[in-house]
Amino acid sequence: MANVRNHDKWMTNYLRLLAYSKEHGHALVPRGFVAPDGFKLGIWTAEQRRRRQYHDDQEVAALEALPGWLWDARERRKARQ
């Protein structure tokens, strides 16, 4: 049952990230970004990148389907230089 709860919680947070990506056109959430409901979306997003090896295939595919998703957000900064 814990896995179902964890997946439901992950999905709720993923949907927040999806909404952010639709509004901003990308999934590169600044680490300090806090959603209007108080959820620390920037920290959650950074944790998803850091914990890549713990995601199942469906979660990986969902994240990678987001516009502008990078597993290493530093890649975007490097590309700008």
Protein backbone atom coordinates (compact mmCIF):
# COMPACT_ATOMS: atom_id res chain seq x y z
CA MET A 1 0.00 0.00 0.00
CA ALA A 2 2.89 2.39 0.70
CA ASN A 3 3.96 2.19 -2.95
CA VAL A 4 0.49 3.25 -4.10
CA ARG A 5 0.54 6.23 -1.70
CA ASN A 6 4.06 7.17 -2.81
CA HIS A 7 3.06 6.94 -6.46
CA ASP A 8 -0.07 9.02 -5.84
CA LYS A 9 1.99 11.66 -4.04
CA TRP A 10 4.60 11.63 -6.84
CA MET A 11 1.85 11.99 -9.45
CA THR A 12 0.28 14.93 -7.60
CA ASN A 13 3.65 16.68 -7.56
CA TYR A 14 4.34 15.73 -11.17
CA LEU A 15 1.04 17.35 -12.15
CA ARG A 16 2.24 20.54 -10.44
CA LEU A 17 5.40 20.35 -12.52
CA LEU A 18 3.36 19.71 -15.67
CA ALA A 19 1.24 22.80 -14.95
CA TYR A 20 4.41 24.84 -14.42
CA SER A 21 5.86 23.61 -17.72
CA LYS A 22 2.65 24.50 -19.57
CA GLU A 23 2.62 28.00 -18.08
CA HIS A 24 6.34 28.70 -18.59
CA GLY A 25 7.05 26.60 -21.67
CA HIS A 26 9.73 24.51 -19.95
CA ALA A 27 10.36 22.31 -16.92
CA LEU A 28 13.47 24.12 -15.70
CA VAL A 29 12.01 25.21 -12.39
CA PRO A 30 14.28 27.53 -10.37
CA ARG A 31 15.32 25.79 -7.16
CA GLY A 32 13.70 28.50 -5.03
CA PHE A 33 10.34 28.42 -6.82
CA VAL A 34 7.33 27.94 -4.56
CA ALA A 35 3.93 27.16 -6.09
CA PRO A 36 0.94 29.37 -5.18
CA ASP A 37 -0.25 26.64 -2.79
CA GLY A 38 3.06 26.80 -0.89
CA PHE A 39 4.54 23.62 -2.38
CA LYS A 40 8.29 23.91 -2.92
CA LEU A 41 8.22 22.82 -6.56
CA GLY A 42 11.78 23.92 -7.27
CA ILE A 43 13.20 21.72 -4.54
CA TRP A 44 10.97 18.79 -5.53
CA THR A 45 12.08 19.10 -9.16
CA ALA A 46 15.75 19.21 -8.18
CA GLU A 47 15.22 16.08 -6.07
CA GLN A 48 13.70 14.25 -9.04
CA ARG A 49 16.85 15.00 -11.04
CA ARG A 50 19.14 13.95 -8.20
CA ARG A 51 17.26 10.70 -7.58
CA ARG A 52 16.98 9.59 -11.20
CA GLN A 53 18.07 6.02 -10.46
CA TYR A 54 15.09 5.54 -8.12
CA HIS A 55 12.42 6.34 -10.71
CA ASP A 56 10.57 3.60 -12.52
CA ASP A 57 10.35 3.60 -16.33
CA GLN A 58 6.97 5.36 -16.35
CA GLU A 59 8.21 8.20 -14.18
CA VAL A 60 11.34 8.62 -16.29
CA ALA A 61 9.23 8.73 -19.47
CA ALA A 62 6.80 11.25 -17.94
CA LEU A 63 9.62 13.56 -16.86
CA GLU A 64 11.44 13.26 -20.17
CA ALA A 65 8.23 14.13 -22.02
CA LEU A 66 8.12 17.56 -20.36
CA PRO A 67 9.27 20.45 -22.55
CA GLY A 68 12.84 21.40 -21.75
CA TRP A 69 13.35 18.61 -19.20
CA LEU A 70 17.03 17.97 -18.45
CA TRP A 71 18.35 15.47 -15.95
CA ASP A 72 21.22 17.83 -15.27
CA ALA A 73 19.87 21.40 -15.15
CA ARG A 74 23.46 22.64 -15.38
CA GLU A 75 23.44 21.50 -19.03
CA ARG A 76 21.25 24.47 -19.92
CA ARG A 77 23.61 26.93 -18.21
CA LYS A 78 26.57 25.38 -20.05
CA ALA A 79 24.77 25.68 -23.39
CA ARG A 80 24.19 29.40 -22.81
CA GLN A 81 27.90 30.12 -22.30
